Amino acid sequence: MFDELHDAVDRTSSGGGNTTGIDATPRRSDEVLLDAYSRTVTQVVDEVGDAVVRVDVQDAKRQRGGSGSGVVVASDGLVLTNSHVVAGQQRVELALTDGRRLGGRVIGDDPDTDLALVRTEEPVRLSSARLGDSKSLRRGQLVVAIGNPLGFESTVTAGVVSAFGRSMRSATGRLIDDIIQTDAALNPGNSGGPLVSSAGQVVGINTAVILGAQGICFAVASNTASYVLGELVRHGRVRRGFLGLSVDQVGIGRRMQVAHDLAQERCVAIASLSPHGAAEEAGLLRGDRILSLDGVKVTGADDLLRLLNADRIGRTVLVEILRGTEKLRVWVMPSERPPHRESEKGTAKG
């Protein structure tokens, strides 16, 4: 019976009488597509897999504590991972895919982007991965996540780019921009591992999942990682501007919008000033409402924090404010933000 059905399917697909109504062409096409998909994923793993490491941290009693993942981004032993994986640590242990275990030193940590950089303590040559251009991603594009979820080493999952340009809060309260959303499955332990394109380039560093949700996972974009990597290598930290003030988001009011021809409906009001800080030295006052910085609108605390990048440290910037009913222009010179200064609930410091 099976041979007869098989012959009938062959006759149908070769142009014979379609007496069975069975078409074998979709089945064979699906197999071809599956083979292409599988080949792509395996090629990515072959190219990048050896560059993925497990990052182990120790507790105060030098017992193994938590672990995460990392990706070697320079063959002389530079490993990119998440800040929350190595938080508070100066040294970690790196487990390679070939079974070797190497000591690692945390040379830079940026909680604001949840990224950190580790260097092996002994000189070695390691397999490394290339950082790609996350701006070239498209929705629906195939991506592969490699890491060590729940202690299962060198685990591979695949999915697509669900969305890009998302934002999420870091542990410090600062907004991380340009987050990639993917449905490639992530679990605890994947943190710090690479999200890889079909071209074998790292386009993101896996960082978070939404608990209770399925298929909603996030990665810090590789372009952000490239910038942070450069800052950590050169300075051991990511430099950001600091005005010495805290702000709250407020509405402007229709009357003030009309009076000063303002398109924006919201801005930020200065809630407090640091003594002898840049803002106080420039003459800014508590209650002043900041409209823009260097001509860019400030509609919320996140806008102000985003604009205070390293390029503005030590350079005079123009701040437009509302003081009472009067619109003023004030010149301020940001200093470098002290390390690990965190935002407060309902207030952002800049």
C-alpha atoms as a PDB file:
ATOM      1  CA  MET A   1       0.000   0.000   0.000  1.00  0.00           C
ATOM      2  CA  PHE A   2       2.809   2.423   0.881  1.00  0.00           C
ATOM      3  CA  ASP A   3       4.559   1.723  -2.475  1.00  0.00           C
ATOM      4  CA  GLU A   4       1.366   2.412  -4.377  1.00  0.00           C
ATOM      5  CA  LEU A   5       0.831   5.739  -2.572  1.00  0.00           C
ATOM      6  CA  HIS A   6       4.455   6.676  -3.186  1.00  0.00           C
ATOM      7  CA  ASP A   7       4.057   5.928  -6.923  1.00  0.00           C
ATOM      8  CA  ALA A   8       0.881   8.024  -7.042  1.00  0.00           C
ATOM      9  CA  VAL A   9       2.677  10.992  -5.438  1.00  0.00           C
ATOM     10  CA  ASP A  10       5.544  10.646  -7.942  1.00  0.00           C
ATOM     11  CA  ARG A  11       3.126  10.619 -10.866  1.00  0.00           C
ATOM     12  CA  THR A  12       1.327  13.687  -9.547  1.00  0.00           C
ATOM     13  CA  SER A  13       4.502  15.715  -9.060  1.00  0.00           C
ATOM     14  CA  SER A  14       5.806  14.764 -12.514  1.00  0.00           C
ATOM     15  CA  GLY A  15       2.677  15.909 -14.349  1.00  0.00           C
ATOM     16  CA  GLY A  16       0.637  12.651 -14.308  1.00  0.00           C
ATOM     17  CA  GLY A  17      -3.038  12.537 -13.470  1.00  0.00           C
ATOM     18  CA  ASN A  18      -3.658  14.158 -10.120  1.00  0.00           C
ATOM     19  CA  THR A  19      -5.891  11.361  -8.871  1.00  0.00           C
ATOM     20  CA  THR A  20      -4.803  11.607  -5.219  1.00  0.00           C
ATOM     21  CA  GLY A  21      -4.847  15.420  -4.755  1.00  0.00           C
ATOM     22  CA  ILE A  22      -1.423  15.176  -3.053  1.00  0.00           C
ATOM     23  CA  ASP A  23       1.268  17.688  -4.057  1.00  0.00           C
ATOM     24  CA  ALA A  24       4.814  16.816  -2.973  1.00  0.00           C
ATOM     25  CA  THR A  25       6.377  20.093  -4.144  1.00  0.00           C
ATOM     26  CA  PRO A  26       5.688  22.140  -0.936  1.00  0.00           C
ATOM     27  CA  ARG A  27       7.177  19.358   1.182  1.00  0.00           C
ATOM     28  CA  ARG A  28      10.414  19.269  -0.782  1.00  0.00           C
ATOM     29  CA  SER A  29      10.594  23.106  -0.836  1.00  0.00           C
ATOM     30  CA  ASP A  30      10.229  23.203   2.957  1.00  0.00           C
ATOM     31  CA  GLU A  31      13.109  20.756   3.269  1.00  0.00           C
ATOM     32  CA  VAL A  32      15.312  22.924   1.060  1.00  0.00           C
ATOM     33  CA  LEU A  33      14.498  26.009   3.139  1.00  0.00           C
ATOM     34  CA  LEU A  34      15.136  24.153   6.375  1.00  0.00           C
ATOM     35  CA  ASP A  35      18.514  22.985   5.111  1.00  0.00           C
ATOM     36  CA  ALA A  36      19.475  26.557   4.195  1.00  0.00           C
ATOM     37  CA  TYR A  37      18.344  27.811   7.613  1.00  0.00           C
ATOM     38  CA  SER A  38      20.255  25.051   9.383  1.00  0.00           C
ATOM     39  CA  ARG A  39      23.388  25.683   7.346  1.00  0.00           C
ATOM     40  CA  THR A  40      23.287  29.375   8.198  1.00  0.00           C
ATOM     41  CA  VAL A  41      22.962  28.742  11.939  1.00  0.00           C
ATOM     42  CA  THR A  42      25.694  26.095  12.010  1.00  0.00           C
ATOM     43  CA  GLN A  43      28.051  28.334  10.016  1.00  0.00           C
ATOM     44  CA  VAL A  44      27.476  31.159  12.509  1.00  0.00           C
ATOM     45  CA  VAL A  45      28.196  28.826  15.428  1.00  0.00           C
ATOM     46  CA  ASP A  46      31.321  27.458  13.729  1.00  0.00           C
ATOM     47  CA  GLU A  47      32.581  30.990  13.193  1.00  0.00           C
ATOM     48  CA  VAL A  48      31.713  32.569  16.546  1.00  0.00           C
ATOM     49  CA  GLY A  49      31.179  29.706  19.003  1.00  0.00           C
ATOM     50  CA  ASP A  50      34.792  29.428  20.181  1.00  0.00           C
ATOM     51  CA  ALA A  51      34.820  33.149  21.010  1.00  0.00           C
ATOM     52  CA  VAL A  52      32.041  32.728  23.597  1.00  0.00           C
ATOM     53  CA  VAL A  53      33.143  32.161  27.198  1.00  0.00           C
ATOM     54  CA  ARG A  54      31.477  31.524  30.533  1.00  0.00           C
ATOM     55  CA  VAL A  55      32.135  34.229  33.111  1.00  0.00           C
ATOM     56  CA  ASP A  56      32.215  32.932  36.707  1.00  0.00           C
ATOM     57  CA  VAL A  57      32.281  35.217  39.727  1.00  0.00           C
ATOM     58  CA  GLN A  58      33.172  34.329  43.320  1.00  0.00           C
ATOM     59  CA  ASP A  59      31.477  35.349  46.541  1.00  0.00           C
ATOM     60  CA  ALA A  60      33.231  36.798  49.597  1.00  0.00           C
ATOM     61  CA  LYS A  61      34.329  33.299  50.702  1.00  0.00           C
ATOM     62  CA  ARG A  62      35.879  32.697  47.267  1.00  0.00           C
ATOM     63  CA  GLN A  63      33.209  30.168  46.467  1.00  0.00           C
ATOM     64  CA  ARG A  64      31.677  30.131  43.001  1.00  0.00           C
ATOM     65  CA  GLY A  65      28.810  32.563  42.879  1.00  0.00           C
ATOM     66  CA  GLY A  66      26.841  33.542  39.809  1.00  0.00           C
ATOM     67  CA  SER A  67      27.860  33.122  36.204  1.00  0.00           C
ATOM     68  CA  GLY A  68      27.077  34.627  32.858  1.00  0.00           C
ATOM     69  CA  SER A  69      28.482  34.744  29.376  1.00  0.00           C
ATOM     70  CA  GLY A  70      30.940  36.891  27.469  1.00  0.00           C
ATOM     71  CA  VAL A  71      32.373  37.218  23.987  1.00  0.00           C
ATOM     72  CA  VAL A  72      36.030  37.677  23.070  1.00  0.00           C
ATOM     73  CA  VAL A  73      36.291  40.830  20.943  1.00  0.00           C
ATOM     74  CA  ALA A  74      40.100  40.955  20.626  1.00  0.00           C
ATOM     75  CA  SER A  75      42.341  37.932  20.263  1.00  0.00           C
ATOM     76  CA  ASP A  76      44.766  39.202  22.936  1.00  0.00           C
ATOM     77  CA  GLY A  77      42.131  38.502  25.590  1.00  0.00           C
ATOM     78  CA  LEU A  78      39.512  41.292  25.707  1.00  0.00           C
ATOM     79  CA  VAL A  79      36.080  39.978  26.691  1.00  0.00           C
ATOM     80  CA  LEU A  80      32.858  42.003  26.497  1.00  0.00           C
ATOM     81  CA  THR A  81      30.084  41.059  28.928  1.00  0.00           C
ATOM     82  CA  ASN A  82      27.259  42.618  30.970  1.00  0.00           C
ATOM     83  CA  SER A  83      27.889  44.943  33.870  1.00  0.00           C
ATOM     84  CA  HIS A  84      25.377  43.075  36.007  1.00  0.00           C
ATOM     85  CA  VAL A  85      27.346  39.838  35.493  1.00  0.00           C
ATOM     86  CA  VAL A  86      30.554  41.242  37.029  1.00  0.00           C
ATOM     87  CA  ALA A  87      29.029  43.905  39.294  1.00  0.00           C
ATOM     88  CA  GLY A  88      31.285  44.678  42.244  1.00  0.00           C
ATOM     89  CA  GLN A  89      34.016  42.277  41.088  1.00  0.00           C
ATOM     90  CA  GLN A  90      37.631  43.058  40.286  1.00  0.00           C
ATOM     91  CA  ARG A  91      38.501  39.562  39.108  1.00  0.00           C
ATOM     92  CA  VAL A  92      36.520  36.772  37.490  1.00  0.00           C
ATOM     93  CA  GLU A  93      37.214  33.367  35.969  1.00  0.00           C
ATOM     94  CA  LEU A  94      36.709  32.661  32.277  1.00  0.00           C
ATOM     95  CA  ALA A  95      35.836  29.165  31.048  1.00  0.00           C
ATOM     96  CA  LEU A  96      36.682  28.554  27.381  1.00  0.00           C
ATOM     97  CA  THR A  97      35.018  26.074  25.041  1.00  0.00           C
ATOM     98  CA  ASP A  98      38.218  23.965  24.905  1.00  0.00           C
ATOM     99  CA  GLY A  99      38.089  23.386  28.678  1.00  0.00           C
ATOM    100  CA  ARG A 100      40.717  25.931  29.702  1.00  0.00           C
ATOM    101  CA  ARG A 101      40.006  28.222  32.632  1.00  0.00           C
ATOM    102  CA  LEU A 102      41.667  31.642  32.743  1.00  0.00           C
ATOM    103  CA  GLY A 103      41.735  34.384  35.328  1.00  0.00           C
ATOM    104  CA  GLY A 104      40.234  37.661  34.208  1.00  0.00           C
ATOM    105  CA  ARG A 105      40.485  41.240  35.465  1.00  0.00           C
ATOM    106  CA  VAL A 106      37.598  43.690  35.112  1.00  0.00           C
ATOM    107  CA  ILE A 107      39.179  46.727  33.450  1.00  0.00           C
ATOM    108  CA  GLY A 108      35.997  48.725  32.993  1.00  0.00           C
ATOM    109  CA  ASP A 109      32.346  48.637  33.978  1.00  0.00           C
ATOM    110  CA  ASP A 110      29.488  50.829  32.759  1.00  0.00           C
ATOM    111  CA  PRO A 111      26.235  50.133  34.641  1.00  0.00           C
ATOM    112  CA  ASP A 112      24.473  52.842  32.597  1.00  0.00           C
ATOM    113  CA  THR A 113      24.623  50.622  29.482  1.00  0.00           C
ATOM    114  CA  ASP A 114      24.954  47.290  31.347  1.00  0.00           C
ATOM    115  CA  LEU A 115      28.297  46.596  29.671  1.00  0.00           C
ATOM    116  CA  ALA A 116      31.687  45.660  31.099  1.00  0.00           C
ATOM    117  CA  LEU A 117      35.111  44.729  29.766  1.00  0.00           C
ATOM    118  CA  VAL A 118      37.346  41.952  31.099  1.00  0.00           C
ATOM    119  CA  ARG A 119      40.947  41.148  30.135  1.00  0.00           C
ATOM    120  CA  THR A 120      42.619  37.786  30.687  1.00  0.00           C
ATOM    121  CA  GLU A 121      45.339  37.957  33.325  1.00  0.00           C
ATOM    122  CA  GLU A 122      47.792  35.819  31.365  1.00  0.00           C
ATOM    123  CA  PRO A 123      48.904  36.530  27.765  1.00  0.00           C
ATOM    124  CA  VAL A 124      47.000  34.242  25.388  1.00  0.00           C
ATOM    125  CA  ARG A 125      45.727  34.184  21.825  1.00  0.00           C
ATOM    126  CA  LEU A 126      42.018  33.467  21.684  1.00  0.00           C
ATOM    127  CA  SER A 127      39.387  33.058  19.002  1.00  0.00           C
ATOM    128  CA  SER A 128      37.599  36.379  18.673  1.00  0.00           C
ATOM    129  CA  ALA A 129      34.379  37.681  17.137  1.00  0.00           C
ATOM    130  CA  ARG A 130      33.807  40.808  15.058  1.00  0.00           C
ATOM    131  CA  LEU A 131      31.498  43.601  16.154  1.00  0.00           C
ATOM    132  CA  GLY A 132      29.100  44.457  13.331  1.00  0.00           C
ATOM    133  CA  ASP A 133      26.984  47.501  12.513  1.00  0.00           C
ATOM    134  CA  SER A 134      23.692  47.227  14.386  1.00  0.00           C
ATOM    135  CA  LYS A 135      22.255  50.082  12.301  1.00  0.00           C
ATOM    136  CA  SER A 136      22.185  47.741   9.302  1.00  0.00           C
ATOM    137  CA  LEU A 137      19.723  45.348  10.988  1.00  0.00           C
ATOM    138  CA  ARG A 138      16.250  44.817   9.583  1.00  0.00           C
ATOM    139  CA  ARG A 139      13.151  43.492  11.285  1.00  0.00           C
ATOM    140  CA  GLY A 140      12.722  39.799  10.581  1.00  0.00           C
ATOM    141  CA  GLN A 141      16.454  39.257  10.055  1.00  0.00           C
ATOM    142  CA  LEU A 142      17.861  35.969  11.361  1.00  0.00           C
ATOM    143  CA  VAL A 143      19.985  36.230  14.519  1.00  0.00           C
ATOM    144  CA  VAL A 144      21.678  33.616  16.695  1.00  0.00           C
ATOM    145  CA  ALA A 145      22.248  33.832  20.460  1.00  0.00           C
ATOM    146  CA  ILE A 146      25.115  31.874  22.021  1.00  0.00           C
ATOM    147  CA  GLY A 147      25.721  31.583  25.745  1.00  0.00           C
ATOM    148  CA  ASN A 148      25.591  29.509  28.892  1.00  0.00           C
ATOM    149  CA  PRO A 149      21.995  29.628  30.167  1.00  0.00           C
ATOM    150  CA  LEU A 150      21.381  27.986  33.543  1.00  0.00           C
ATOM    151  CA  GLY A 151      24.842  26.425  33.406  1.00  0.00           C
ATOM    152  CA  PHE A 152      24.298  24.634  30.086  1.00  0.00           C
ATOM    153  CA  GLU A 153      27.458  25.624  28.252  1.00  0.00           C
ATOM    154  CA  SER A 154      27.653  26.686  24.610  1.00  0.00           C
ATOM    155  CA  THR A 155      23.891  26.731  24.113  1.00  0.00           C
ATOM    156  CA  VAL A 156      22.644  28.022  20.764  1.00  0.00           C
ATOM    157  CA  THR A 157      19.234  29.529  20.067  1.00  0.00           C
ATOM    158  CA  ALA A 158      18.031  31.252  16.928  1.00  0.00           C
ATOM    159  CA  GLY A 159      15.284  33.689  16.068  1.00  0.00           C
ATOM    160  CA  VAL A 160      14.690  36.978  14.336  1.00  0.00           C
ATOM    161  CA  VAL A 161      15.079  40.658  15.068  1.00  0.00           C
ATOM    162  CA  SER A 162      11.606  41.516  16.369  1.00  0.00           C
ATOM    163  CA  ALA A 163      12.275  45.247  16.664  1.00  0.00           C
ATOM    164  CA  PHE A 164      15.102  47.708  17.144  1.00  0.00           C
ATOM    165  CA  GLY A 165      15.471  51.158  18.610  1.00  0.00           C
ATOM    166  CA  ARG A 166      13.816  50.091  21.879  1.00  0.00           C
ATOM    167  CA  SER A 167      14.763  51.713  25.190  1.00  0.00           C
ATOM    168  CA  MET A 168      15.060  50.158  28.628  1.00  0.00           C
ATOM    169  CA  ARG A 169      16.202  51.204  32.086  1.00  0.00           C
ATOM    170  CA  SER A 170      19.610  50.190  33.358  1.00  0.00           C
ATOM    171  CA  ALA A 171      20.189  49.315  37.001  1.00  0.00           C
ATOM    172  CA  THR A 172      21.213  52.954  37.590  1.00  0.00           C
ATOM    173  CA  GLY A 173      17.914  54.257  36.252  1.00  0.00           C
ATOM    174  CA  ARG A 174      19.483  55.711  33.121  1.00  0.00           C
ATOM    175  CA  LEU A 175      17.754  54.935  29.824  1.00  0.00           C
ATOM    176  CA  ILE A 176      19.672  52.630  27.463  1.00  0.00           C
ATOM    177  CA  ASP A 177      18.813  53.574  23.900  1.00  0.00           C
ATOM    178  CA  ASP A 178      18.955  51.507  20.708  1.00  0.00           C
ATOM    179  CA  ILE A 179      18.044  48.192  22.342  1.00  0.00           C
ATOM    180  CA  ILE A 180      17.435  45.239  19.998  1.00  0.00           C
ATOM    181  CA  GLN A 181      14.389  43.065  20.648  1.00  0.00           C
ATOM    182  CA  THR A 182      14.621  39.438  19.522  1.00  0.00           C
ATOM    183  CA  ASP A 183      12.700  36.200  19.961  1.00  0.00           C
ATOM    184  CA  ALA A 184      15.900  34.115  20.164  1.00  0.00           C
ATOM    185  CA  ALA A 185      15.343  32.392  23.520  1.00  0.00           C
ATOM    186  CA  LEU A 186      17.416  33.736  26.424  1.00  0.00           C
ATOM    187  CA  ASN A 187      17.638  32.516  30.009  1.00  0.00           C
ATOM    188  CA  PRO A 188      19.678  33.420  33.095  1.00  0.00           C
ATOM    189  CA  GLY A 189      23.306  32.809  32.174  1.00  0.00           C
ATOM    190  CA  ASN A 190      22.882  34.099  28.610  1.00  0.00           C
ATOM    191  CA  SER A 191      23.613  37.599  29.896  1.00  0.00           C
ATOM    192  CA  GLY A 192      26.733  39.008  28.269  1.00  0.00           C
ATOM    193  CA  GLY A 193      26.748  36.555  25.387  1.00  0.00           C
ATOM    194  CA  PRO A 194      26.622  37.650  21.757  1.00  0.00           C
ATOM    195  CA  LEU A 195      23.655  38.108  19.459  1.00  0.00           C
ATOM    196  CA  VAL A 196      25.088  37.255  16.042  1.00  0.00           C
ATOM    197  CA  SER A 197      23.910  38.037  12.515  1.00  0.00           C
ATOM    198  CA  SER A 198      23.851  35.496   9.691  1.00  0.00           C
ATOM    199  CA  ALA A 199      27.096  37.098   8.476  1.00  0.00           C
ATOM    200  CA  GLY A 200      28.830  35.982  11.674  1.00  0.00           C
ATOM    201  CA  GLN A 201      29.083  39.480  13.171  1.00  0.00           C
ATOM    202  CA  VAL A 202      28.117  40.360  16.735  1.00  0.00           C
ATOM    203  CA  VAL A 203      25.223  42.813  16.467  1.00  0.00           C
ATOM    204  CA  GLY A 204      24.237  42.851  20.143  1.00  0.00           C
ATOM    205  CA  ILE A 205      25.165  41.812  23.674  1.00  0.00           C
ATOM    206  CA  ASN A 206      22.310  39.862  25.247  1.00  0.00           C
ATOM    207  CA  THR A 207      21.157  41.531  28.412  1.00  0.00           C
ATOM    208  CA  ALA A 208      17.587  40.881  29.560  1.00  0.00           C
ATOM    209  CA  VAL A 209      14.310  39.032  29.262  1.00  0.00           C
ATOM    210  CA  ILE A 210      10.820  39.967  30.437  1.00  0.00           C
ATOM    211  CA  LEU A 211       9.882  37.484  33.137  1.00  0.00           C
ATOM    212  CA  GLY A 212       6.625  35.712  32.388  1.00  0.00           C
ATOM    213  CA  ALA A 213       6.780  36.598  28.692  1.00  0.00           C
ATOM    214  CA  GLN A 214       7.801  34.346  25.840  1.00  0.00           C
ATOM    215  CA  GLY A 215       9.886  35.430  22.885  1.00  0.00           C
ATOM    216  CA  ILE A 216      10.626  38.931  24.204  1.00  0.00           C
ATOM    217  CA  CYS A 217      14.355  39.265  24.801  1.00  0.00           C
ATOM    218  CA  PHE A 218      16.721  42.204  24.575  1.00  0.00           C
ATOM    219  CA  ALA A 219      20.312  42.961  23.577  1.00  0.00           C
ATOM    220  CA  VAL A 220      22.432  46.103  23.783  1.00  0.00           C
ATOM    221  CA  ALA A 221      23.199  47.133  20.198  1.00  0.00           C
ATOM    222  CA  SER A 222      26.724  46.540  18.914  1.00  0.00           C
ATOM    223  CA  ASN A 223      27.146  50.207  17.970  1.00  0.00           C
ATOM    224  CA  THR A 224      26.584  51.131  21.620  1.00  0.00           C
ATOM    225  CA  ALA A 225      28.961  48.336  22.634  1.00  0.00           C
ATOM    226  CA  SER A 226      31.647  49.621  20.233  1.00  0.00           C
ATOM    227  CA  TYR A 227      31.483  53.113  21.755  1.00  0.00           C
ATOM    228  CA  VAL A 228      31.546  51.794  25.329  1.00  0.00           C
ATOM    229  CA  LEU A 229      34.393  49.407  24.459  1.00  0.00           C
ATOM    230  CA  GLY A 230      36.514  52.288  23.173  1.00  0.00           C
ATOM    231  CA  GLU A 231      35.845  54.392  26.268  1.00  0.00           C
ATOM    232  CA  LEU A 232      36.644  51.526  28.648  1.00  0.00           C
ATOM    233  CA  VAL A 233      39.896  50.688  26.844  1.00  0.00           C
ATOM    234  CA  ARG A 234      41.075  54.306  26.779  1.00  0.00           C
ATOM    235  CA  HIS A 235      39.790  55.560  30.124  1.00  0.00           C
ATOM    236  CA  GLY A 236      38.617  52.567  32.161  1.00  0.00           C
ATOM    237  CA  ARG A 237      35.192  54.205  32.323  1.00  0.00           C
ATOM    238  CA  VAL A 238      32.615  55.845  30.066  1.00  0.00           C
ATOM    239  CA  ARG A 239      32.923  59.601  30.450  1.00  0.00           C
ATOM    240  CA  ARG A 240      29.738  61.671  30.585  1.00  0.00           C
ATOM    241  CA  GLY A 241      28.996  65.319  31.138  1.00  0.00           C
ATOM    242  CA  PHE A 242      27.701  66.615  34.463  1.00  0.00           C
ATOM    243  CA  LEU A 243      25.952  69.888  35.268  1.00  0.00           C
ATOM    244  CA  GLY A 244      25.428  69.326  38.978  1.00  0.00           C
ATOM    245  CA  LEU A 245      21.650  69.420  39.118  1.00  0.00           C
ATOM    246  CA  SER A 246      18.629  67.179  39.458  1.00  0.00           C
ATOM    247  CA  VAL A 247      15.460  67.676  37.450  1.00  0.00           C
ATOM    248  CA  ASP A 248      11.809  66.673  37.247  1.00  0.00           C
ATOM    249  CA  GLN A 249       9.678  66.549  34.115  1.00  0.00           C
ATOM    250  CA  VAL A 250       7.013  69.275  33.997  1.00  0.00           C
ATOM    251  CA  GLY A 251       4.482  70.731  31.585  1.00  0.00           C
ATOM    252  CA  ILE A 252       5.064  74.137  30.014  1.00  0.00           C
ATOM    253  CA  GLY A 253       1.472  75.336  29.803  1.00  0.00           C
ATOM    254  CA  ARG A 254      -0.393  76.619  26.771  1.00  0.00           C
ATOM    255  CA  ARG A 255       0.016  80.306  27.658  1.00  0.00           C
ATOM    256  CA  MET A 256       3.822  80.021  27.849  1.00  0.00           C
ATOM    257  CA  GLN A 257       3.921  77.970  24.647  1.00  0.00           C
ATOM    258  CA  VAL A 258       2.097  80.731  22.768  1.00  0.00           C
ATOM    259  CA  ALA A 259       4.033  83.567  24.417  1.00  0.00           C
ATOM    260  CA  HIS A 260       7.407  82.135  23.421  1.00  0.00           C
ATOM    261  CA  ASP A 261       6.389  80.241  20.269  1.00  0.00           C
ATOM    262  CA  LEU A 262       7.331  76.851  21.723  1.00  0.00           C
ATOM    263  CA  ALA A 263       6.419  73.640  19.907  1.00  0.00           C
ATOM    264  CA  GLN A 264       7.207  71.382  22.889  1.00  0.00           C
ATOM    265  CA  GLU A 265       4.630  70.759  25.605  1.00  0.00           C
ATOM    266  CA  ARG A 266       7.011  69.486  28.292  1.00  0.00           C
ATOM    267  CA  CYS A 267      10.448  70.296  29.653  1.00  0.00           C
ATOM    268  CA  VAL A 268      12.403  69.710  32.885  1.00  0.00           C
ATOM    269  CA  ALA A 269      12.511  71.865  36.003  1.00  0.00           C
ATOM    270  CA  ILE A 270      15.592  72.092  38.219  1.00  0.00           C
ATOM    271  CA  ALA A 271      14.762  70.437  41.542  1.00  0.00           C
ATOM    272  CA  SER A 272      18.146  70.901  43.214  1.00  0.00           C
ATOM    273  CA  LEU A 273      21.664  72.160  42.532  1.00  0.00           C
ATOM    274  CA  SER A 274      25.015  70.776  43.677  1.00  0.00           C
ATOM    275  CA  PRO A 275      27.070  73.384  45.567  1.00  0.00           C
ATOM    276  CA  HIS A 276      29.738  74.884  43.309  1.00  0.00           C
ATOM    277  CA  GLY A 277      28.575  72.696  40.412  1.00  0.00           C
ATOM    278  CA  ALA A 278      28.635  73.855  36.799  1.00  0.00           C
ATOM    279  CA  ALA A 279      24.941  74.784  36.797  1.00  0.00           C
ATOM    280  CA  GLU A 280      25.146  76.834  39.984  1.00  0.00           C
ATOM    281  CA  GLU A 281      28.345  78.558  38.823  1.00  0.00           C
ATOM    282  CA  ALA A 282      26.584  79.525  35.582  1.00  0.00           C
ATOM    283  CA  GLY A 283      23.748  81.163  37.486  1.00  0.00           C
ATOM    284  CA  LEU A 284      20.999  78.573  37.042  1.00  0.00           C
ATOM    285  CA  LEU A 285      18.435  78.529  39.861  1.00  0.00           C
ATOM    286  CA  ARG A 286      16.147  76.002  41.463  1.00  0.00           C
ATOM    287  CA  GLY A 287      12.813  76.120  39.613  1.00  0.00           C
ATOM    288  CA  ASP A 288      14.310  77.155  36.274  1.00  0.00           C
ATOM    289  CA  ARG A 289      12.754  75.134  33.451  1.00  0.00           C
ATOM    290  CA  ILE A 290      15.247  73.828  30.889  1.00  0.00           C
ATOM    291  CA  LEU A 291      13.887  73.917  27.332  1.00  0.00           C
ATOM    292  CA  SER A 292      16.929  72.902  25.281  1.00  0.00           C
ATOM    293  CA  LEU A 293      20.646  72.206  25.331  1.00  0.00           C
ATOM    294  CA  ASP A 294      22.720  73.317  22.354  1.00  0.00           C
ATOM    295  CA  GLY A 295      19.514  73.798  20.372  1.00  0.00           C
ATOM    296  CA  VAL A 296      18.165  70.286  21.036  1.00  0.00           C
ATOM    297  CA  LYS A 297      14.824  70.139  22.836  1.00  0.00           C
ATOM    298  CA  VAL A 298      14.772  68.724  26.363  1.00  0.00           C
ATOM    299  CA  THR A 299      11.329  67.249  27.035  1.00  0.00           C
ATOM    300  CA  GLY A 300      12.350  64.887  29.835  1.00  0.00           C
ATOM    301  CA  ALA A 301      15.208  63.913  32.094  1.00  0.00           C
ATOM    302  CA  ASP A 302      16.349  61.217  29.668  1.00  0.00           C
ATOM    303  CA  ASP A 303      16.870  63.812  26.934  1.00  0.00           C
ATOM    304  CA  LEU A 304      19.145  65.821  29.202  1.00  0.00           C
ATOM    305  CA  LEU A 305      21.172  62.773  30.248  1.00  0.00           C
ATOM    306  CA  ARG A 306      21.514  61.628  26.642  1.00  0.00           C
ATOM    307  CA  LEU A 307      22.812  65.012  25.527  1.00  0.00           C
ATOM    308  CA  LEU A 308      25.442  65.187  28.271  1.00  0.00           C
ATOM    309  CA  ASN A 309      27.920  62.933  26.474  1.00  0.00           C
ATOM    310  CA  ALA A 310      31.720  62.947  26.613  1.00  0.00           C
ATOM    311  CA  ASP A 311      31.943  65.461  23.744  1.00  0.00           C
ATOM    312  CA  ARG A 312      30.438  68.165  25.946  1.00  0.00           C
ATOM    313  CA  ILE A 313      32.834  67.761  28.882  1.00  0.00           C
ATOM    314  CA  GLY A 314      34.807  70.978  29.320  1.00  0.00           C
ATOM    315  CA  ARG A 315      33.023  72.661  26.406  1.00  0.00           C
ATOM    316  CA  THR A 316      30.612  75.545  26.872  1.00  0.00           C
ATOM    317  CA  VAL A 317      27.041  74.636  25.942  1.00  0.00           C
ATOM    318  CA  LEU A 318      23.990  76.835  25.462  1.00  0.00           C
ATOM    319  CA  VAL A 319      21.042  76.142  27.763  1.00  0.00           C
ATOM    320  CA  GLU A 320      17.658  77.781  27.068  1.00  0.00           C
ATOM    321  CA  ILE A 321      15.458  78.153  30.118  1.00  0.00           C
ATOM    322  CA  LEU A 322      12.189  79.626  31.326  1.00  0.00           C
ATOM    323  CA  ARG A 323      12.548  81.616  34.548  1.00  0.00           C
ATOM    324  CA  GLY A 324       9.116  82.659  35.633  1.00  0.00           C
ATOM    325  CA  THR A 325       7.575  84.063  32.440  1.00  0.00           C
ATOM    326  CA  GLU A 326      10.908  85.073  30.921  1.00  0.00           C
ATOM    327  CA  LYS A 327      12.895  83.064  28.380  1.00  0.00           C
ATOM    328  CA  LEU A 328      16.666  83.190  28.950  1.00  0.00           C
ATOM    329  CA  ARG A 329      19.876  81.810  27.428  1.00  0.00           C
ATOM    330  CA  VAL A 330      22.619  80.623  29.785  1.00  0.00           C
ATOM    331  CA  TRP A 331      26.095  79.329  28.916  1.00  0.00           C
ATOM    332  CA  VAL A 332      27.279  76.381  31.022  1.00  0.00           C
ATOM    333  CA  MET A 333      30.461  74.278  30.946  1.00  0.00           C
ATOM    334  CA  PRO A 334      29.749  70.652  31.987  1.00  0.00           C
ATOM    335  CA  SER A 335      32.360  68.819  34.037  1.00  0.00           C
ATOM    336  CA  GLU A 336      32.889  65.067  33.964  1.00  0.00           C
ATOM    337  CA  ARG A 337      30.231  63.151  35.846  1.00  0.00           C
ATOM    338  CA  PRO A 338      31.534  61.441  38.995  1.00  0.00           C
ATOM    339  CA  PRO A 339      31.613  57.625  38.606  1.00  0.00           C
ATOM    340  CA  HIS A 340      28.550  55.568  39.523  1.00  0.00           C
ATOM    341  CA  ARG A 341      26.298  58.536  40.194  1.00  0.00           C
ATOM    342  CA  GLU A 342      22.806  57.052  40.034  1.00  0.00           C
ATOM    343  CA  SER A 343      19.483  58.638  39.207  1.00  0.00           C
ATOM    344  CA  GLU A 344      16.933  58.962  41.973  1.00  0.00           C
ATOM    345  CA  LYS A 345      13.337  57.836  41.653  1.00  0.00           C
ATOM    346  CA  GLY A 346      11.320  60.585  40.026  1.00  0.00           C
ATOM    347  CA  THR A 347      14.448  62.648  39.563  1.00  0.00           C
ATOM    348  CA  ALA A 348      17.364  62.484  37.167  1.00  0.00           C
ATOM    349  CA  LYS A 349      20.773  63.922  37.878  1.00  0.00           C
ATOM    350  CA  GLY A 350      22.893  65.439  35.170  1.00  0.00           C
END
